[in-house]
All heavy atoms as atom14 arrays in JSON, in Angstrom:
{
  "sequence": "LKVIEEKDLELLGRLKFKPEVLKELKVISNYYLNFAKR",
  "atom14_mask": [
    [1, 1, 1, 1, 1, 1, 1, 1, 0, 0, 0, 0, 0, 0],
    [1, 1, 1, 1, 1, 1, 1, 1, 1, 0, 0, 0, 0, 0],
    [1, 1, 1, 1, 1, 1, 1, 0, 0, 0, 0, 0, 0, 0],
    [1, 1, 1, 1, 1, 1, 1, 1, 0, 0, 0, 0, 0, 0],
    [1, 1, 1, 1, 1, 1, 1, 1, 1, 0, 0, 0, 0, 0],
    [1, 1, 1, 1, 1, 1, 1, 1, 1, 0, 0, 0, 0, 0],
    [1, 1, 1, 1, 1, 1, 1, 1, 1, 0, 0, 0, 0, 0],
    [1, 1, 1, 1, 1, 1, 1, 1, 0, 0, 0, 0, 0, 0],
    [1, 1, 1, 1, 1, 1, 1, 1, 0, 0, 0, 0, 0, 0],
    [1, 1, 1, 1, 1, 1, 1, 1, 1, 0, 0, 0, 0, 0],
    [1, 1, 1, 1, 1, 1, 1, 1, 0, 0, 0, 0, 0, 0],
    [1, 1, 1, 1, 1, 1, 1, 1, 0, 0, 0, 0, 0, 0],
    [1, 1, 1, 1, 0, 0, 0, 0, 0, 0, 0, 0, 0, 0],
    [1, 1, 1, 1, 1, 1, 1, 1, 1, 1, 1, 0, 0, 0],
    [1, 1, 1, 1, 1, 1, 1, 1, 0, 0, 0, 0, 0, 0],
    [1, 1, 1, 1, 1, 1, 1, 1, 1, 0, 0, 0, 0, 0],
    [1, 1, 1, 1, 1, 1, 1, 1, 1, 1, 1, 0, 0, 0],
    [1, 1, 1, 1, 1, 1, 1, 1, 1, 0, 0, 0, 0, 0],
    [1, 1, 1, 1, 1, 1, 1, 0, 0, 0, 0, 0, 0, 0],
    [1, 1, 1, 1, 1, 1, 1, 1, 1, 0, 0, 0, 0, 0],
    [1, 1, 1, 1, 1, 1, 1, 0, 0, 0, 0, 0, 0, 0],
    [1, 1, 1, 1, 1, 1, 1, 1, 0, 0, 0, 0, 0, 0],
    [1, 1, 1, 1, 1, 1, 1, 1, 1, 0, 0, 0, 0, 0],
    [1, 1, 1, 1, 1, 1, 1, 1, 1, 0, 0, 0, 0, 0],
    [1, 1, 1, 1, 1, 1, 1, 1, 0, 0, 0, 0, 0, 0],
    [1, 1, 1, 1, 1, 1, 1, 1, 1, 0, 0, 0, 0, 0],
    [1, 1, 1, 1, 1, 1, 1, 0, 0, 0, 0, 0, 0, 0],
    [1, 1, 1, 1, 1, 1, 1, 1, 0, 0, 0, 0, 0, 0],
    [1, 1, 1, 1, 1, 1, 0, 0, 0, 0, 0, 0, 0, 0],
    [1, 1, 1, 1, 1, 1, 1, 1, 0, 0, 0, 0, 0, 0],
    [1, 1, 1, 1, 1, 1, 1, 1, 1, 1, 1, 1, 0, 0],
    [1, 1, 1, 1, 1, 1, 1, 1, 1, 1, 1, 1, 0, 0],
    [1, 1, 1, 1, 1, 1, 1, 1, 0, 0, 0, 0, 0, 0],
    [1, 1, 1, 1, 1, 1, 1, 1, 0, 0, 0, 0, 0, 0],
    [1, 1, 1, 1, 1, 1, 1, 1, 1, 1, 1, 0, 0, 0],
    [1, 1, 1, 1, 1, 0, 0, 0, 0, 0, 0, 0, 0, 0],
    [1, 1, 1, 1, 1, 1, 1, 1, 1, 0, 0, 0, 0, 0],
    [1, 1, 1, 1, 1, 1, 1, 1, 1, 1, 1, 0, 0, 0]
  ],
  "atom14_positions": [
    [[-10.64, 10.03, -7.26], [-11.75, 10.77, -6.72], [-13.04, 9.94, -6.7], [-13.84, 9.99, -5.73], [-12.0, 12.07, -7.53], [-10.95, 13.15, -7.32], [-11.07, 14.24, -8.4], [-11.03, 13.72, -5.94], [0.0, 0.0, 0.0], [0.0, 0.0, 0.0], [0.0, 0.0, 0.0], [0.0, 0.0, 0.0], [0.0, 0.0, 0.0], [0.0, 0.0, 0.0]],
    [[-13.27, 9.1, -7.72], [-14.45, 8.22, -7.73], [-14.32, 7.19, -6.6], [-15.36, 6.89, -5.92], [-14.52, 7.51, -9.08], [-15.06, 8.41, -10.22], [-15.15, 7.56, -11.47], [-15.66, 8.38, -12.64], [-15.72, 7.61, -13.87], [0.0, 0.0, 0.0], [0.0, 0.0, 0.0], [0.0, 0.0, 0.0], [0.0, 0.0, 0.0], [0.0, 0.0, 0.0]],
    [[-13.16, 6.64, -6.39], [-12.99, 5.63, -5.33], [-13.21, 6.28, -3.98], [-13.81, 5.68, -3.08], [-11.59, 4.94, -5.45], [-11.29, 4.1, -4.25], [-11.5, 4.16, -6.73], [0.0, 0.0, 0.0], [0.0, 0.0, 0.0], [0.0, 0.0, 0.0], [0.0, 0.0, 0.0], [0.0, 0.0, 0.0], [0.0, 0.0, 0.0], [0.0, 0.0, 0.0]],
    [[-12.75, 7.47, -3.83], [-12.95, 8.22, -2.55], [-14.43, 8.44, -2.34], [-14.98, 8.26, -1.26], [-12.16, 9.56, -2.55], [-10.67, 9.28, -2.39], [-12.64, 10.49, -1.47], [-9.77, 10.5, -2.56], [0.0, 0.0, 0.0], [0.0, 0.0, 0.0], [0.0, 0.0, 0.0], [0.0, 0.0, 0.0], [0.0, 0.0, 0.0], [0.0, 0.0, 0.0]],
    [[-15.1, 8.87, -3.42], [-16.52, 9.16, -3.36], [-17.31, 7.89, -2.99], [-18.28, 7.94, -2.22], [-17.02, 9.66, -4.73], [-18.51, 9.98, -4.8], [-18.88, 10.47, -6.18], [-18.45, 9.91, -7.2], [-19.65, 11.45, -6.2], [0.0, 0.0, 0.0], [0.0, 0.0, 0.0], [0.0, 0.0, 0.0], [0.0, 0.0, 0.0], [0.0, 0.0, 0.0]],
    [[-16.88, 6.75, -3.49], [-17.55, 5.45, -3.19], [-17.12, 4.88, -1.79], [-17.7, 3.88, -1.4], [-17.27, 4.44, -4.27], [-17.81, 4.83, -5.62], [-17.25, 4.04, -6.8], [-16.36, 3.18, -6.54], [-17.64, 4.31, -7.91], [0.0, 0.0, 0.0], [0.0, 0.0, 0.0], [0.0, 0.0, 0.0], [0.0, 0.0, 0.0], [0.0, 0.0, 0.0]],
    [[-16.17, 5.52, -1.18], [-15.65, 5.1, 0.12], [-15.11, 3.67, 0.07], [-15.26, 2.92, 1.04], [-16.72, 5.26, 1.24], [-17.12, 6.66, 1.44], [-18.16, 6.74, 2.58], [-18.66, 8.17, 2.65], [-19.8, 8.34, 3.48], [0.0, 0.0, 0.0], [0.0, 0.0, 0.0], [0.0, 0.0, 0.0], [0.0, 0.0, 0.0], [0.0, 0.0, 0.0]],
    [[-14.52, 3.28, -1.0], [-13.92, 1.96, -1.2], [-12.46, 1.98, -0.67], [-11.52, 2.13, -1.45], [-13.97, 1.53, -2.66], [-13.6, 0.07, -2.85], [-12.98, -0.52, -1.93], [-13.94, -0.48, -3.9], [0.0, 0.0, 0.0], [0.0, 0.0, 0.0], [0.0, 0.0, 0.0], [0.0, 0.0, 0.0], [0.0, 0.0, 0.0], [0.0, 0.0, 0.0]],
    [[-12.32, 1.83, 0.64], [-11.01, 1.97, 1.26], [-10.05, 0.84, 0.86], [-8.84, 1.08, 0.75], [-11.16, 2.0, 2.8], [-11.89, 3.21, 3.33], [-12.14, 3.05, 4.83], [-11.1, 4.46, 3.06], [0.0, 0.0, 0.0], [0.0, 0.0, 0.0], [0.0, 0.0, 0.0], [0.0, 0.0, 0.0], [0.0, 0.0, 0.0], [0.0, 0.0, 0.0]],
    [[-10.58, -0.32, 0.63], [-9.74, -1.45, 0.24], [-9.08, -1.14, -1.11], [-7.9, -1.31, -1.28], [-10.56, -2.75, 0.13], [-9.74, -3.97, -0.17], [-10.57, -5.22, -0.24], [-11.51, -5.4, 0.56], [-10.25, -6.07, -1.12], [0.0, 0.0, 0.0], [0.0, 0.0, 0.0], [0.0, 0.0, 0.0], [0.0, 0.0, 0.0], [0.0, 0.0, 0.0]],
    [[-9.87, -0.7, -2.08], [-9.36, -0.35, -3.4], [-8.45, 0.89, -3.33], [-7.39, 0.86, -3.93], [-10.48, -0.11, -4.4], [-10.13, 0.3, -5.81], [-9.18, -0.72, -6.43], [-11.35, 0.5, -6.67], [0.0, 0.0, 0.0], [0.0, 0.0, 0.0], [0.0, 0.0, 0.0], [0.0, 0.0, 0.0], [0.0, 0.0, 0.0], [0.0, 0.0, 0.0]],
    [[-8.8, 1.83, -2.56], [-8.05, 3.07, -2.43], [-6.62, 2.74, -1.93], [-5.64, 3.26, -2.39], [-8.72, 4.07, -1.49], [-8.09, 5.44, -1.39], [-8.13, 6.13, -2.72], [-8.87, 6.27, -0.34], [0.0, 0.0, 0.0], [0.0, 0.0, 0.0], [0.0, 0.0, 0.0], [0.0, 0.0, 0.0], [0.0, 0.0, 0.0], [0.0, 0.0, 0.0]],
    [[-6.53, 1.8, -0.98], [-5.25, 1.42, -0.39], [-4.39, 0.61, -1.36], [-3.15, 0.6, -1.26], [0.0, 0.0, 0.0], [0.0, 0.0, 0.0], [0.0, 0.0, 0.0], [0.0, 0.0, 0.0], [0.0, 0.0, 0.0], [0.0, 0.0, 0.0], [0.0, 0.0, 0.0], [0.0, 0.0, 0.0], [0.0, 0.0, 0.0], [0.0, 0.0, 0.0]],
    [[-4.98, -0.02, -2.36], [-4.24, -0.79, -3.35], [-3.88, 0.01, -4.62], [-3.06, -0.49, -5.38], [-5.03, -2.02, -3.76], [-5.22, -3.06, -2.75], [-5.82, -4.33, -3.35], [-6.81, -4.0, -4.35], [-8.1, -4.34, -4.27], [-8.59, -4.98, -3.27], [-8.92, -4.06, -5.27], [0.0, 0.0, 0.0], [0.0, 0.0, 0.0], [0.0, 0.0, 0.0]],
    [[-4.47, 1.11, -4.81], [-4.21, 1.84, -6.08], [-2.78, 2.24, -6.22], [-2.16, 2.72, -5.28], [-5.11, 3.1, -6.13], [-6.59, 2.93, -6.45], [-7.3, 4.26, -6.44], [-6.8, 2.25, -7.73], [0.0, 0.0, 0.0], [0.0, 0.0, 0.0], [0.0, 0.0, 0.0], [0.0, 0.0, 0.0], [0.0, 0.0, 0.0], [0.0, 0.0, 0.0]],
    [[-2.26, 2.09, -7.44], [-0.96, 2.55, -7.81], [-1.13, 3.76, -8.76], [-1.95, 3.71, -9.66], [-0.14, 1.47, -8.53], [-0.04, 0.19, -7.75], [0.95, 0.33, -6.63], [1.15, -1.05, -6.02], [1.2, -0.98, -4.57], [0.0, 0.0, 0.0], [0.0, 0.0, 0.0], [0.0, 0.0, 0.0], [0.0, 0.0, 0.0], [0.0, 0.0, 0.0]],
    [[-0.36, 4.76, -8.54], [-0.55, 5.99, -9.37], [0.8, 6.75, -9.4], [1.65, 6.56, -8.57], [-1.67, 6.88, -8.86], [-1.62, 7.11, -7.43], [-0.86, 8.12, -6.83], [-2.34, 6.29, -6.55], [-0.83, 8.35, -5.48], [-2.34, 6.52, -5.17], [-1.56, 7.55, -4.65], [0.0, 0.0, 0.0], [0.0, 0.0, 0.0], [0.0, 0.0, 0.0]],
    [[0.91, 7.61, -10.37], [2.08, 8.42, -10.58], [2.12, 9.56, -9.54], [1.08, 10.01, -9.12], [2.1, 8.98, -11.98], [2.15, 7.92, -13.05], [2.05, 8.54, -14.43], [2.02, 7.45, -15.51], [1.77, 7.95, -16.83], [0.0, 0.0, 0.0], [0.0, 0.0, 0.0], [0.0, 0.0, 0.0], [0.0, 0.0, 0.0], [0.0, 0.0, 0.0]],
    [[3.26, 10.04, -9.17], [3.41, 11.15, -8.18], [2.67, 12.38, -8.59], [2.12, 13.11, -7.77], [4.89, 11.43, -8.08], [5.55, 10.16, -8.6], [4.58, 9.51, -9.58], [0.0, 0.0, 0.0], [0.0, 0.0, 0.0], [0.0, 0.0, 0.0], [0.0, 0.0, 0.0], [0.0, 0.0, 0.0], [0.0, 0.0, 0.0], [0.0, 0.0, 0.0]],
    [[2.55, 12.65, -9.91], [1.85, 13.86, -10.34], [0.36, 13.81, -10.02], [-0.3, 14.85, -10.0], [2.11, 14.19, -11.84], [1.86, 13.09, -12.8], [3.13, 12.27, -13.11], [4.12, 12.32, -12.38], [3.02, 11.51, -14.09], [0.0, 0.0, 0.0], [0.0, 0.0, 0.0], [0.0, 0.0, 0.0], [0.0, 0.0, 0.0], [0.0, 0.0, 0.0]],
    [[-0.17, 12.63, -9.8], [-1.59, 12.49, -9.46], [-1.89, 13.14, -8.1], [-2.85, 13.84, -7.95], [-2.04, 11.0, -9.5], [-3.42, 10.84, -8.89], [-2.02, 10.47, -10.92], [0.0, 0.0, 0.0], [0.0, 0.0, 0.0], [0.0, 0.0, 0.0], [0.0, 0.0, 0.0], [0.0, 0.0, 0.0], [0.0, 0.0, 0.0], [0.0, 0.0, 0.0]],
    [[-0.96, 12.94, -7.15], [-1.14, 13.57, -5.82], [-1.04, 15.09, -5.98], [-1.78, 15.8, -5.29], [-0.08, 13.06, -4.87], [-0.33, 11.66, -4.28], [0.75, 11.29, -3.28], [-1.69, 11.58, -3.63], [0.0, 0.0, 0.0], [0.0, 0.0, 0.0], [0.0, 0.0, 0.0], [0.0, 0.0, 0.0], [0.0, 0.0, 0.0], [0.0, 0.0, 0.0]],
    [[-0.15, 15.59, -6.87], [-0.11, 17.0, -7.09], [-1.37, 17.51, -7.65], [-1.87, 18.61, -7.27], [1.05, 17.31, -8.02], [2.41, 17.12, -7.38], [3.52, 17.42, -8.41], [4.87, 17.02, -7.88], [5.95, 17.17, -8.85], [0.0, 0.0, 0.0], [0.0, 0.0, 0.0], [0.0, 0.0, 0.0], [0.0, 0.0, 0.0], [0.0, 0.0, 0.0]],
    [[-1.98, 16.79, -8.6], [-3.26, 17.2, -9.17], [-4.35, 17.19, -8.14], [-5.15, 18.11, -8.08], [-3.61, 16.25, -10.31], [-3.71, 16.94, -11.64], [-4.06, 15.99, -12.77], [-4.69, 14.94, -12.6], [-3.7, 16.38, -13.91], [0.0, 0.0, 0.0], [0.0, 0.0, 0.0], [0.0, 0.0, 0.0], [0.0, 0.0, 0.0], [0.0, 0.0, 0.0]],
    [[-4.36, 16.18, -7.25], [-5.39, 16.1, -6.22], [-5.24, 17.33, -5.26], [-6.23, 17.89, -4.85], [-5.24, 14.83, -5.42], [-5.79, 13.56, -6.04], [-5.37, 12.34, -5.24], [-7.29, 13.61, -6.14], [0.0, 0.0, 0.0], [0.0, 0.0, 0.0], [0.0, 0.0, 0.0], [0.0, 0.0, 0.0], [0.0, 0.0, 0.0], [0.0, 0.0, 0.0]],
    [[-4.01, 17.68, -4.98], [-3.76, 18.85, -4.12], [-4.29, 20.11, -4.76], [-4.99, 20.93, -4.11], [-2.31, 18.96, -3.81], [-1.96, 20.05, -2.83], [-0.46, 20.08, -2.51], [-0.19, 21.09, -1.46], [1.24, 21.08, -1.05], [0.0, 0.0, 0.0], [0.0, 0.0, 0.0], [0.0, 0.0, 0.0], [0.0, 0.0, 0.0], [0.0, 0.0, 0.0]],
    [[-4.02, 20.3, -6.04], [-4.49, 21.46, -6.77], [-6.03, 21.52, -6.77], [-6.62, 22.58, -6.49], [-3.93, 21.5, -8.21], [-4.64, 22.56, -9.08], [-2.43, 21.7, -8.19], [0.0, 0.0, 0.0], [0.0, 0.0, 0.0], [0.0, 0.0, 0.0], [0.0, 0.0, 0.0], [0.0, 0.0, 0.0], [0.0, 0.0, 0.0], [0.0, 0.0, 0.0]],
    [[-6.65, 20.38, -7.1], [-8.11, 20.31, -7.15], [-8.71, 20.63, -5.76], [-9.64, 21.43, -5.65], [-8.56, 18.94, -7.63], [-8.2, 18.8, -9.13], [-10.09, 18.74, -7.4], [-8.36, 17.4, -9.59], [0.0, 0.0, 0.0], [0.0, 0.0, 0.0], [0.0, 0.0, 0.0], [0.0, 0.0, 0.0], [0.0, 0.0, 0.0], [0.0, 0.0, 0.0]],
    [[-8.16, 20.03, -4.7], [-8.69, 20.22, -3.37], [-8.59, 21.67, -2.96], [-9.53, 22.24, -2.42], [-7.97, 19.31, -2.38], [-8.18, 17.99, -2.68], [0.0, 0.0, 0.0], [0.0, 0.0, 0.0], [0.0, 0.0, 0.0], [0.0, 0.0, 0.0], [0.0, 0.0, 0.0], [0.0, 0.0, 0.0], [0.0, 0.0, 0.0], [0.0, 0.0, 0.0]],
    [[-7.39, 22.26, -3.2], [-7.2, 23.64, -2.81], [-8.1, 24.61, -3.6], [-8.66, 25.53, -3.07], [-5.73, 24.09, -3.01], [-4.83, 23.42, -1.93], [-5.27, 23.03, -0.9], [-3.55, 23.32, -2.28], [0.0, 0.0, 0.0], [0.0, 0.0, 0.0], [0.0, 0.0, 0.0], [0.0, 0.0, 0.0], [0.0, 0.0, 0.0], [0.0, 0.0, 0.0]],
    [[-8.22, 24.34, -4.9], [-9.1, 25.14, -5.74], [-10.54, 25.08, -5.27], [-11.2, 26.08, -5.11], [-9.0, 24.61, -7.21], [-9.85, 25.34, -8.18], [-9.45, 26.56, -8.7], [-10.99, 24.74, -8.69], [-10.22, 27.23, -9.65], [-11.76, 25.39, -9.63], [-11.37, 26.61, -10.08], [-12.13, 27.28, -11.05], [0.0, 0.0, 0.0], [0.0, 0.0, 0.0]],
    [[-11.01, 23.86, -5.0], [-12.42, 23.71, -4.57], [-12.62, 24.31, -3.18], [-13.69, 24.91, -2.93], [-12.88, 22.26, -4.65], [-14.35, 22.17, -4.44], [-15.25, 22.62, -5.4], [-14.89, 21.6, -3.27], [-16.64, 22.53, -5.2], [-16.24, 21.56, -3.08], [-17.11, 21.98, -4.04], [-18.45, 21.92, -3.84], [0.0, 0.0, 0.0], [0.0, 0.0, 0.0]],
    [[-11.68, 24.12, -2.31], [-11.82, 24.67, -0.97], [-11.89, 26.2, -1.0], [-12.73, 26.77, -0.32], [-10.63, 24.21, -0.06], [-10.64, 24.67, 1.33], [-11.9, 24.24, 2.11], [-9.4, 24.23, 2.07], [0.0, 0.0, 0.0], [0.0, 0.0, 0.0], [0.0, 0.0, 0.0], [0.0, 0.0, 0.0], [0.0, 0.0, 0.0], [0.0, 0.0, 0.0]],
    [[-11.03, 26.82, -1.78], [-11.07, 28.27, -1.9], [-12.39, 28.72, -2.52], [-12.98, 29.71, -2.07], [-9.89, 28.77, -2.75], [-8.63, 28.65, -1.97], [-8.57, 28.72, -0.77], [-7.5, 28.43, -2.7], [0.0, 0.0, 0.0], [0.0, 0.0, 0.0], [0.0, 0.0, 0.0], [0.0, 0.0, 0.0], [0.0, 0.0, 0.0], [0.0, 0.0, 0.0]],
    [[-12.88, 27.99, -3.53], [-14.18, 28.34, -4.09], [-15.29, 28.21, -3.05], [-16.11, 29.1, -2.91], [-14.49, 27.39, -5.29], [-15.88, 27.39, -5.7], [-16.44, 28.42, -6.43], [-16.72, 26.33, -5.35], [-17.78, 28.43, -6.8], [-18.08, 26.34, -5.72], [-18.56, 27.39, -6.48], [0.0, 0.0, 0.0], [0.0, 0.0, 0.0], [0.0, 0.0, 0.0]],
    [[-15.27, 27.14, -2.32], [-16.33, 26.9, -1.3], [-16.28, 27.97, -0.19], [-17.32, 28.45, 0.23], [-16.21, 25.48, -0.69], [0.0, 0.0, 0.0], [0.0, 0.0, 0.0], [0.0, 0.0, 0.0], [0.0, 0.0, 0.0], [0.0, 0.0, 0.0], [0.0, 0.0, 0.0], [0.0, 0.0, 0.0], [0.0, 0.0, 0.0], [0.0, 0.0, 0.0]],
    [[-15.07, 28.32, 0.2], [-14.94, 29.39, 1.24], [-15.56, 30.7, 0.77], [-16.27, 31.35, 1.48], [-13.45, 29.59, 1.56], [-12.83, 28.61, 2.46], [-11.39, 29.08, 2.7], [-10.55, 28.07, 3.3], [-9.15, 28.61, 3.48], [0.0, 0.0, 0.0], [0.0, 0.0, 0.0], [0.0, 0.0, 0.0], [0.0, 0.0, 0.0], [0.0, 0.0, 0.0]],
    [[-15.23, 31.03, -0.47], [-15.75, 32.31, -1.03], [-17.26, 32.27, -1.18], [-17.98, 33.22, -0.83], [-15.11, 32.65, -2.35], [-13.69, 33.18, -2.26], [-13.19, 33.69, -3.61], [-13.44, 32.86, -4.73], [-12.69, 31.87, -5.19], [-11.58, 31.59, -4.56], [-13.03, 31.15, -6.24], [0.0, 0.0, 0.0], [0.0, 0.0, 0.0], [0.0, 0.0, 0.0]]
  ]
}
């Protein structure tokens, strides 16, 4: 999330992470989107 916020595309493309991180990102995004909509 920090790398995305900094718009560091080079680093974002190189990052290695566990599959559960994408699941967490999805949960956070959906949670925040629903909050923002309401």
